[in-house]
Amino acid sequence: MIFSLFAVGALLAIGISLVFAPWLGWRAAFLLSLLPAAGVFVLRRAIRESDPFLRERTAHGVRRGRLRHITRDPVLRRRLVIGSLIFVANAVGYWGYLVFLQKYMLTRFGLTFRESLGVTAVFYGAMAIWPVVAAWPPSGSGGDRPRSAARWCWRSPA
């Protein structure tokens, strides 16, 4: 759900840009786009930590030296490297696809800025909806939720 809510924030920013950029200019639209970020900051302060985390922190306190432990253990070091590579691939894919996509649409397809924002909003809309669809199992399926949702979404027409 994290990526779904990220996309909702991006859609809010796109909406602010579409409404206010032509009227007030891009600088004002940029400043207005900080409103969703301020909302997240306030919301973050209102959400309390999970009970398992609080129990763990109370039982063990704040642990130091965990990075040293991870880098010395070959299994954990391998997992750290693989996780880091996945993160980098995800970040490169995100920035390359969704951020620079507008510039590509402007130059390659001759779209206006508003049209390119509209197309980008479609991608963010899909990013907001897809995690919910993937986590929602078809009725009566039981079993592993994501796997059954993937089968349901990609099933062949009968």
N, C-alpha and C. Protein backbone atom coordinates (compact mmCIF):
# COMPACT_ATOMS: atom_id res chain seq x y z
N MET A 1 0.81 -1.19 0.00
CA MET A 1 0.00 0.00 0.00
C MET A 1 0.86 1.27 0.00
N ILE A 2 2.12 1.16 0.37
CA ILE A 2 2.98 2.34 0.40
C ILE A 2 3.05 2.97 -0.98
N PHE A 3 3.29 2.15 -2.00
CA PHE A 3 3.42 2.70 -3.33
C PHE A 3 2.10 3.23 -3.85
N SER A 4 1.00 2.65 -3.41
CA SER A 4 -0.30 3.14 -3.80
C SER A 4 -0.53 4.55 -3.26
N LEU A 5 -0.20 4.77 -1.99
CA LEU A 5 -0.39 6.10 -1.41
C LEU A 5 0.61 7.10 -1.96
N PHE A 6 1.79 6.64 -2.34
CA PHE A 6 2.75 7.53 -3.00
C PHE A 6 2.14 8.05 -4.29
N ALA A 7 1.49 7.18 -5.04
CA ALA A 7 0.88 7.58 -6.30
C ALA A 7 -0.27 8.56 -6.07
N VAL A 8 -1.00 8.39 -4.98
CA VAL A 8 -2.08 9.33 -4.66
C VAL A 8 -1.50 10.73 -4.41
N GLY A 9 -0.38 10.79 -3.70
CA GLY A 9 0.29 12.08 -3.49
C GLY A 9 0.76 12.69 -4.79
N ALA A 10 1.28 11.86 -5.68
CA ALA A 10 1.72 12.37 -6.99
C ALA A 10 0.52 12.87 -7.79
N LEU A 11 -0.60 12.19 -7.70
CA LEU A 11 -1.81 12.65 -8.40
C LEU A 11 -2.28 13.99 -7.85
N LEU A 12 -2.19 14.18 -6.52
CA LEU A 12 -2.53 15.48 -5.94
C LEU A 12 -1.61 16.57 -6.48
N ALA A 13 -0.32 16.28 -6.56
CA ALA A 13 0.63 17.27 -7.08
C ALA A 13 0.36 17.58 -8.55
N ILE A 14 0.02 16.56 -9.33
CA ILE A 14 -0.31 16.79 -10.74
C ILE A 14 -1.57 17.65 -10.85
N GLY A 15 -2.55 17.35 -10.02
CA GLY A 15 -3.79 18.15 -10.03
C GLY A 15 -3.51 19.61 -9.69
N ILE A 16 -2.69 19.84 -8.69
CA ILE A 16 -2.32 21.21 -8.32
C ILE A 16 -1.61 21.89 -9.49
N SER A 17 -0.71 21.16 -10.16
CA SER A 17 0.00 21.73 -11.30
C SER A 17 -0.94 22.05 -12.45
N LEU A 18 -1.88 21.17 -12.73
CA LEU A 18 -2.81 21.41 -13.84
C LEU A 18 -3.71 22.61 -13.57
N VAL A 19 -4.10 22.80 -12.33
CA VAL A 19 -5.01 23.89 -12.01
C VAL A 19 -4.28 25.22 -11.86
N PHE A 20 -3.17 25.22 -11.11
CA PHE A 20 -2.56 26.49 -10.73
C PHE A 20 -1.39 26.92 -11.61
N ALA A 21 -0.71 26.00 -12.30
CA ALA A 21 0.44 26.41 -13.12
C ALA A 21 0.06 27.38 -14.23
N PRO A 22 -1.03 27.13 -14.98
CA PRO A 22 -1.36 28.09 -16.03
C PRO A 22 -1.77 29.46 -15.47
N TRP A 23 -2.29 29.47 -14.28
CA TRP A 23 -2.82 30.70 -13.68
C TRP A 23 -1.75 31.48 -12.93
N LEU A 24 -0.95 30.79 -12.09
CA LEU A 24 0.03 31.45 -11.23
C LEU A 24 1.48 31.21 -11.64
N GLY A 25 1.71 30.32 -12.57
CA GLY A 25 3.07 29.99 -12.98
C GLY A 25 3.58 28.76 -12.26
N TRP A 26 4.67 28.21 -12.76
CA TRP A 26 5.16 26.94 -12.22
C TRP A 26 5.73 27.07 -10.82
N ARG A 27 6.28 28.24 -10.48
CA ARG A 27 6.86 28.40 -9.14
C ARG A 27 5.78 28.32 -8.06
N ALA A 28 4.67 28.97 -8.30
CA ALA A 28 3.56 28.93 -7.33
C ALA A 28 2.99 27.52 -7.25
N ALA A 29 2.87 26.85 -8.40
CA ALA A 29 2.37 25.48 -8.39
C ALA A 29 3.31 24.56 -7.62
N PHE A 30 4.61 24.80 -7.76
CA PHE A 30 5.59 24.01 -7.01
C PHE A 30 5.41 24.23 -5.52
N LEU A 31 5.25 25.47 -5.10
CA LEU A 31 5.06 25.75 -3.68
C LEU A 31 3.75 25.16 -3.17
N LEU A 32 2.69 25.22 -3.97
CA LEU A 32 1.41 24.63 -3.56
C LEU A 32 1.50 23.10 -3.47
N SER A 33 2.40 22.52 -4.26
CA SER A 33 2.57 21.06 -4.21
C SER A 33 3.20 20.61 -2.90
N LEU A 34 3.73 21.54 -2.13
CA LEU A 34 4.27 21.20 -0.82
C LEU A 34 3.16 20.92 0.20
N LEU A 35 1.93 21.32 -0.10
CA LEU A 35 0.82 21.08 0.83
C LEU A 35 0.61 19.59 1.13
N PRO A 36 0.59 18.71 0.11
CA PRO A 36 0.47 17.29 0.46
C PRO A 36 1.63 16.79 1.32
N ALA A 37 2.85 17.31 1.10
CA ALA A 37 3.99 16.91 1.92
C ALA A 37 3.79 17.37 3.36
N ALA A 38 3.25 18.56 3.55
CA ALA A 38 2.98 19.04 4.90
C ALA A 38 1.92 18.17 5.57
N GLY A 39 0.93 17.74 4.78
CA GLY A 39 -0.10 16.85 5.32
C GLY A 39 0.49 15.52 5.78
N VAL A 40 1.43 15.00 5.03
CA VAL A 40 2.09 13.75 5.41
C VAL A 40 2.89 13.95 6.69
N PHE A 41 3.56 15.08 6.82
CA PHE A 41 4.34 15.36 8.02
C PHE A 41 3.43 15.39 9.25
N VAL A 42 2.28 16.05 9.14
CA VAL A 42 1.33 16.12 10.26
C VAL A 42 0.76 14.74 10.55
N LEU A 43 0.39 14.01 9.51
CA LEU A 43 -0.17 12.67 9.68
C LEU A 43 0.85 11.73 10.32
N ARG A 44 2.11 11.84 9.93
CA ARG A 44 3.15 10.99 10.48
C ARG A 44 3.29 11.18 11.98
N ARG A 45 3.12 12.40 12.44
CA ARG A 45 3.20 12.69 13.87
C ARG A 45 2.01 12.09 14.63
N ALA A 46 0.87 11.93 13.95
CA ALA A 46 -0.34 11.44 14.61
C ALA A 46 -0.40 9.91 14.69
N ILE A 47 0.34 9.22 13.82
CA ILE A 47 0.30 7.76 13.79
C ILE A 47 1.29 7.21 14.81
N ARG A 48 0.83 6.31 15.66
CA ARG A 48 1.73 5.75 16.66
C ARG A 48 2.41 4.49 16.11
N GLU A 49 3.51 4.14 16.74
CA GLU A 49 4.25 2.95 16.34
C GLU A 49 3.43 1.69 16.62
N SER A 50 3.73 0.61 15.89
CA SER A 50 3.01 -0.64 16.08
C SER A 50 3.37 -1.27 17.43
N ASP A 51 2.46 -2.06 17.96
CA ASP A 51 2.70 -2.73 19.24
C ASP A 51 3.91 -3.65 19.21
N PRO A 52 4.10 -4.49 18.16
CA PRO A 52 5.31 -5.33 18.14
C PRO A 52 6.60 -4.52 18.18
N PHE A 53 6.64 -3.40 17.47
CA PHE A 53 7.84 -2.58 17.48
C PHE A 53 8.08 -2.00 18.88
N LEU A 54 7.02 -1.50 19.50
CA LEU A 54 7.16 -0.93 20.84
C LEU A 54 7.60 -1.98 21.86
N ARG A 55 7.06 -3.21 21.75
CA ARG A 55 7.48 -4.29 22.65
C ARG A 55 8.95 -4.63 22.45
N GLU A 56 9.38 -4.71 21.19
CA GLU A 56 10.78 -5.03 20.88
C GLU A 56 11.71 -3.93 21.40
N ARG A 57 11.34 -2.70 21.17
CA ARG A 57 12.18 -1.60 21.62
C ARG A 57 12.24 -1.54 23.15
N THR A 58 11.11 -1.82 23.80
CA THR A 58 11.10 -1.82 25.27
C THR A 58 11.94 -2.96 25.82
N ALA A 59 11.85 -4.13 25.19
CA ALA A 59 12.59 -5.30 25.68
C ALA A 59 14.08 -5.18 25.45
N HIS A 60 14.49 -4.64 24.30
CA HIS A 60 15.91 -4.64 23.94
C HIS A 60 16.54 -3.25 23.87
N GLY A 61 15.73 -2.22 23.92
CA GLY A 61 16.28 -0.87 23.80
C GLY A 61 16.75 -0.63 22.37
N VAL A 62 17.41 0.48 22.16
CA VAL A 62 17.95 0.81 20.85
C VAL A 62 19.27 0.08 20.71
N ARG A 63 19.36 -0.76 19.67
CA ARG A 63 20.57 -1.56 19.46
C ARG A 63 21.56 -0.82 18.59
N ARG A 64 22.82 -0.87 18.99
CA ARG A 64 23.90 -0.24 18.23
C ARG A 64 24.75 -1.32 17.59
N GLY A 65 25.48 -0.94 16.55
CA GLY A 65 26.42 -1.87 15.93
C GLY A 65 25.78 -2.87 14.99
N ARG A 66 24.55 -2.63 14.56
CA ARG A 66 23.88 -3.60 13.69
C ARG A 66 24.49 -3.62 12.30
N LEU A 67 24.95 -2.48 11.81
CA LEU A 67 25.58 -2.44 10.49
C LEU A 67 26.85 -3.27 10.48
N ARG A 68 27.62 -3.19 11.53
CA ARG A 68 28.84 -3.99 11.64
C ARG A 68 28.49 -5.47 11.62
N HIS A 69 27.44 -5.84 12.31
CA HIS A 69 27.00 -7.24 12.34
C HIS A 69 26.58 -7.70 10.93
N ILE A 70 25.87 -6.85 10.21
CA ILE A 70 25.40 -7.21 8.87
C ILE A 70 26.56 -7.34 7.90
N THR A 71 27.52 -6.43 7.95
CA THR A 71 28.61 -6.46 6.98
C THR A 71 29.62 -7.57 7.26
N ARG A 72 29.67 -8.10 8.47
CA ARG A 72 30.60 -9.19 8.78
C ARG A 72 30.03 -10.56 8.47
N ASP A 73 28.72 -10.70 8.50
CA ASP A 73 28.09 -11.99 8.23
C ASP A 73 27.92 -12.14 6.71
N PRO A 74 28.47 -13.19 6.07
CA PRO A 74 28.40 -13.30 4.60
C PRO A 74 26.98 -13.43 4.07
N VAL A 75 26.11 -14.11 4.80
CA VAL A 75 24.71 -14.27 4.34
C VAL A 75 24.00 -12.92 4.39
N LEU A 76 24.15 -12.21 5.50
CA LEU A 76 23.50 -10.91 5.62
C LEU A 76 24.10 -9.89 4.66
N ARG A 77 25.42 -9.97 4.45
CA ARG A 77 26.07 -9.06 3.51
C ARG A 77 25.54 -9.29 2.10
N ARG A 78 25.36 -10.55 1.72
CA ARG A 78 24.81 -10.87 0.39
C ARG A 78 23.39 -10.33 0.26
N ARG A 79 22.58 -10.50 1.31
CA ARG A 79 21.21 -9.98 1.28
C ARG A 79 21.20 -8.46 1.19
N LEU A 80 22.13 -7.80 1.87
CA LEU A 80 22.24 -6.35 1.81
C LEU A 80 22.57 -5.89 0.39
N VAL A 81 23.50 -6.58 -0.25
CA VAL A 81 23.89 -6.21 -1.62
C VAL A 81 22.72 -6.43 -2.58
N ILE A 82 22.06 -7.57 -2.47
CA ILE A 82 20.93 -7.85 -3.36
C ILE A 82 19.80 -6.85 -3.13
N GLY A 83 19.49 -6.56 -1.87
CA GLY A 83 18.45 -5.57 -1.56
C GLY A 83 18.81 -4.20 -2.08
N SER A 84 20.08 -3.83 -1.97
CA SER A 84 20.52 -2.53 -2.48
C SER A 84 20.40 -2.46 -4.00
N LEU A 85 20.77 -3.53 -4.68
CA LEU A 85 20.65 -3.56 -6.14
C LEU A 85 19.18 -3.46 -6.57
N ILE A 86 18.31 -4.14 -5.85
CA ILE A 86 16.87 -4.04 -6.17
C ILE A 86 16.39 -2.62 -5.95
N PHE A 87 16.82 -1.99 -4.86
CA PHE A 87 16.42 -0.61 -4.60
C PHE A 87 16.91 0.32 -5.71
N VAL A 88 18.17 0.18 -6.12
CA VAL A 88 18.72 1.03 -7.17
C VAL A 88 17.96 0.82 -8.48
N ALA A 89 17.67 -0.43 -8.82
CA ALA A 89 16.91 -0.71 -10.05
C ALA A 89 15.52 -0.08 -9.98
N ASN A 90 14.89 -0.15 -8.82
CA ASN A 90 13.57 0.45 -8.65
C ASN A 90 13.65 1.96 -8.80
N ALA A 91 14.65 2.59 -8.18
CA ALA A 91 14.79 4.04 -8.25
C ALA A 91 15.08 4.50 -9.68
N VAL A 92 15.97 3.79 -10.37
CA VAL A 92 16.29 4.15 -11.75
C VAL A 92 15.05 3.98 -12.64
N GLY A 93 14.34 2.90 -12.44
CA GLY A 93 13.12 2.68 -13.21
C GLY A 93 12.08 3.76 -12.96
N TYR A 94 11.92 4.13 -11.69
CA TYR A 94 10.94 5.17 -11.37
C TYR A 94 11.33 6.49 -12.01
N TRP A 95 12.55 6.96 -11.75
CA TRP A 95 12.94 8.26 -12.27
C TRP A 95 12.99 8.27 -13.79
N GLY A 96 13.47 7.19 -14.37
CA GLY A 96 13.55 7.14 -15.83
C GLY A 96 12.19 7.07 -16.49
N TYR A 97 11.27 6.38 -15.86
CA TYR A 97 9.98 6.14 -16.50
C TYR A 97 8.97 7.24 -16.21
N LEU A 98 8.79 7.59 -14.97
CA LEU A 98 7.71 8.51 -14.65
C LEU A 98 8.12 9.98 -14.58
N VAL A 99 9.35 10.26 -14.25
CA VAL A 99 9.75 11.66 -14.16
C VAL A 99 10.18 12.18 -15.52
N PHE A 100 11.05 11.46 -16.19
CA PHE A 100 11.54 11.93 -17.48
C PHE A 100 10.58 11.59 -18.62
N LEU A 101 9.52 10.87 -18.31
CA LEU A 101 8.52 10.53 -19.32
C LEU A 101 7.87 11.79 -19.89
N GLN A 102 7.63 12.79 -19.05
CA GLN A 102 7.02 14.03 -19.54
C GLN A 102 7.90 14.71 -20.56
N LYS A 103 9.17 14.83 -20.27
CA LYS A 103 10.10 15.46 -21.22
C LYS A 103 10.13 14.68 -22.54
N TYR A 104 10.11 13.36 -22.43
CA TYR A 104 10.09 12.52 -23.62
C TYR A 104 8.82 12.76 -24.43
N MET A 105 7.68 12.84 -23.76
CA MET A 105 6.41 13.05 -24.46
C MET A 105 6.38 14.43 -25.11
N LEU A 106 6.96 15.42 -24.45
CA LEU A 106 6.98 16.76 -25.02
C LEU A 106 7.80 16.81 -26.30
N THR A 107 8.97 16.17 -26.29
CA THR A 107 9.85 16.25 -27.46
C THR A 107 9.49 15.23 -28.53
N ARG A 108 9.18 14.02 -28.16
CA ARG A 108 8.95 12.95 -29.14
C ARG A 108 7.58 13.03 -29.80
N PHE A 109 6.55 13.28 -28.98
CA PHE A 109 5.18 13.24 -29.50
C PHE A 109 4.57 14.62 -29.68
N GLY A 110 5.28 15.67 -29.31
CA GLY A 110 4.78 17.02 -29.50
C GLY A 110 3.57 17.35 -28.64
N LEU A 111 3.44 16.69 -27.50
CA LEU A 111 2.33 16.99 -26.61
C LEU A 111 2.58 18.31 -25.89
N THR A 112 1.50 18.95 -25.48
CA THR A 112 1.65 20.13 -24.64
C THR A 112 1.99 19.68 -23.22
N PHE A 113 2.39 20.64 -22.39
CA PHE A 113 2.72 20.30 -21.01
C PHE A 113 1.50 19.73 -20.29
N ARG A 114 0.32 20.33 -20.50
CA ARG A 114 -0.90 19.83 -19.85
C ARG A 114 -1.23 18.42 -20.33
N GLU A 115 -1.06 18.15 -21.61
CA GLU A 115 -1.33 16.80 -22.13
C GLU A 115 -0.37 15.78 -21.54
N SER A 116 0.91 16.16 -21.43
CA SER A 116 1.88 15.22 -20.87
C SER A 116 1.59 14.97 -19.39
N LEU A 117 1.14 15.99 -18.65
CA LEU A 117 0.74 15.77 -17.26
C LEU A 117 -0.46 14.85 -17.17
N GLY A 118 -1.39 14.99 -18.11
CA GLY A 118 -2.56 14.10 -18.12
C GLY A 118 -2.18 12.65 -18.35
N VAL A 119 -1.27 12.42 -19.29
CA VAL A 119 -0.83 11.05 -19.54
C VAL A 119 -0.07 10.51 -18.32
N THR A 120 0.76 11.34 -17.71
CA THR A 120 1.47 10.92 -16.50
C THR A 120 0.49 10.61 -15.38
N ALA A 121 -0.60 11.37 -15.29
CA ALA A 121 -1.63 11.11 -14.27
C ALA A 121 -2.26 9.74 -14.48
N VAL A 122 -2.39 9.31 -15.72
CA VAL A 122 -2.93 7.97 -15.99
C VAL A 122 -2.00 6.91 -15.40
N PHE A 123 -0.68 7.08 -15.58
CA PHE A 123 0.28 6.13 -15.02
C PHE A 123 0.21 6.12 -13.50
N TYR A 124 0.15 7.30 -12.89
CA TYR A 124 0.06 7.37 -11.43
C TYR A 124 -1.27 6.78 -10.94
N GLY A 125 -2.33 6.98 -11.72
CA GLY A 125 -3.61 6.36 -11.35
C GLY A 125 -3.51 4.85 -11.32
N ALA A 126 -2.82 4.30 -12.31
CA ALA A 126 -2.60 2.85 -12.33
C ALA A 126 -1.75 2.42 -11.13
N MET A 127 -0.75 3.25 -10.77
CA MET A 127 0.08 2.92 -9.61
C MET A 127 -0.72 2.97 -8.31
N ALA A 128 -1.74 3.82 -8.26
CA ALA A 128 -2.57 3.92 -7.05
C ALA A 128 -3.53 2.76 -6.95
N ILE A 129 -4.01 2.26 -8.07
CA ILE A 129 -5.04 1.22 -8.06
C ILE A 129 -4.44 -0.18 -8.04
N TRP A 130 -3.34 -0.41 -8.73
CA TRP A 130 -2.81 -1.77 -8.89
C TRP A 130 -2.47 -2.48 -7.58
N PRO A 131 -1.82 -1.83 -6.61
CA PRO A 131 -1.55 -2.57 -5.36
C PRO A 131 -2.82 -3.04 -4.66
N VAL A 132 -3.88 -2.25 -4.75
CA VAL A 132 -5.15 -2.65 -4.13
C VAL A 132 -5.72 -3.85 -4.88
N VAL A 133 -5.67 -3.80 -6.20
CA VAL A 133 -6.18 -4.93 -7.00
C VAL A 133 -5.35 -6.18 -6.75
N ALA A 134 -4.04 -6.03 -6.67
CA ALA A 134 -3.17 -7.19 -6.47
C ALA A 134 -3.38 -7.83 -5.11
N ALA A 135 -3.76 -7.05 -4.11
CA ALA A 135 -3.94 -7.59 -2.76
C ALA A 135 -5.35 -8.10 -2.52
N TRP A 136 -6.26 -7.83 -3.43
CA TRP A 136 -7.65 -8.23 -3.25
C TRP A 136 -7.90 -9.57 -3.93
N PRO A 137 -8.19 -10.62 -3.16
CA PRO A 137 -8.40 -11.93 -3.81
C PRO A 137 -9.78 -12.01 -4.45
N PRO A 138 -9.91 -12.80 -5.50
CA PRO A 138 -11.24 -13.02 -6.06
C PRO A 138 -12.10 -13.78 -5.06
N SER A 139 -13.39 -13.59 -5.12
CA SER A 139 -14.28 -14.20 -4.13
C SER A 139 -14.16 -15.72 -4.16
N GLY A 140 -14.06 -16.28 -2.97
CA GLY A 140 -14.01 -17.74 -2.83
C GLY A 140 -12.70 -18.38 -3.21
N SER A 141 -11.63 -17.57 -3.44
CA SER A 141 -10.39 -18.17 -3.89
C SER A 141 -9.59 -18.77 -2.74
N GLY A 142 -9.55 -18.07 -1.59
CA GLY A 142 -8.76 -18.55 -0.47
C GLY A 142 -7.29 -18.59 -0.83
N GLY A 143 -6.49 -19.12 0.02
CA GLY A 143 -5.07 -19.31 -0.29
C GLY A 143 -4.28 -18.02 -0.26
N ASP A 144 -3.20 -18.01 -0.99
CA ASP A 144 -2.27 -16.89 -1.02
C ASP A 144 -2.89 -15.72 -1.76
N ARG A 145 -3.09 -14.62 -1.07
CA ARG A 145 -3.79 -13.47 -1.65
C ARG A 145 -3.11 -12.89 -2.89
N PRO A 146 -1.83 -12.50 -2.81
CA PRO A 146 -1.23 -11.90 -4.01
C PRO A 146 -1.17 -12.87 -5.19
N ARG A 147 -0.85 -14.12 -4.91
CA ARG A 147 -0.75 -15.09 -6.00
C ARG A 147 -2.12 -15.31 -6.64
N SER A 148 -3.18 -15.44 -5.83
CA SER A 148 -4.51 -15.66 -6.40
C SER A 148 -4.99 -14.42 -7.13
N ALA A 149 -4.63 -13.21 -6.62
CA ALA A 149 -5.01 -11.99 -7.31
C ALA A 149 -4.31 -11.89 -8.66
N ALA A 150 -3.03 -12.28 -8.69
CA ALA A 150 -2.29 -12.24 -9.96
C ALA A 150 -2.91 -13.21 -10.96
N ARG A 151 -3.26 -14.41 -10.50
CA ARG A 151 -3.91 -15.36 -11.40
C ARG A 151 -5.24 -14.81 -11.90
N TRP A 152 -5.99 -14.17 -11.02
CA TRP A 152 -7.29 -13.63 -11.40
C TRP A 152 -7.13 -12.50 -12.42
N CYS A 153 -6.12 -11.64 -12.23
CA CYS A 153 -5.93 -10.50 -13.13
C CYS A 153 -5.41 -10.94 -14.50
N TRP A 154 -4.60 -12.00 -14.55
CA TRP A 154 -3.98 -12.42 -15.80
C TRP A 154 -4.61 -13.67 -16.39
N ARG A 155 -5.79 -14.02 -15.90
CA ARG A 155 -6.42 -15.25 -16.39
C ARG A 155 -6.83 -15.10 -17.85
N SER A 156 -6.88 -16.22 -18.53
CA SER A 156 -7.28 -16.22 -19.93
C SER A 156 -8.79 -16.17 -20.02
N PRO A 157 -9.32 -15.44 -21.00
CA PRO A 157 -10.77 -15.44 -21.15
C PRO A 157 -11.25 -16.84 -21.52
N ALA A 158 -12.34 -17.23 -20.89
CA ALA A 158 -12.86 -18.59 -21.13
C ALA A 158 -13.65 -18.66 -22.42
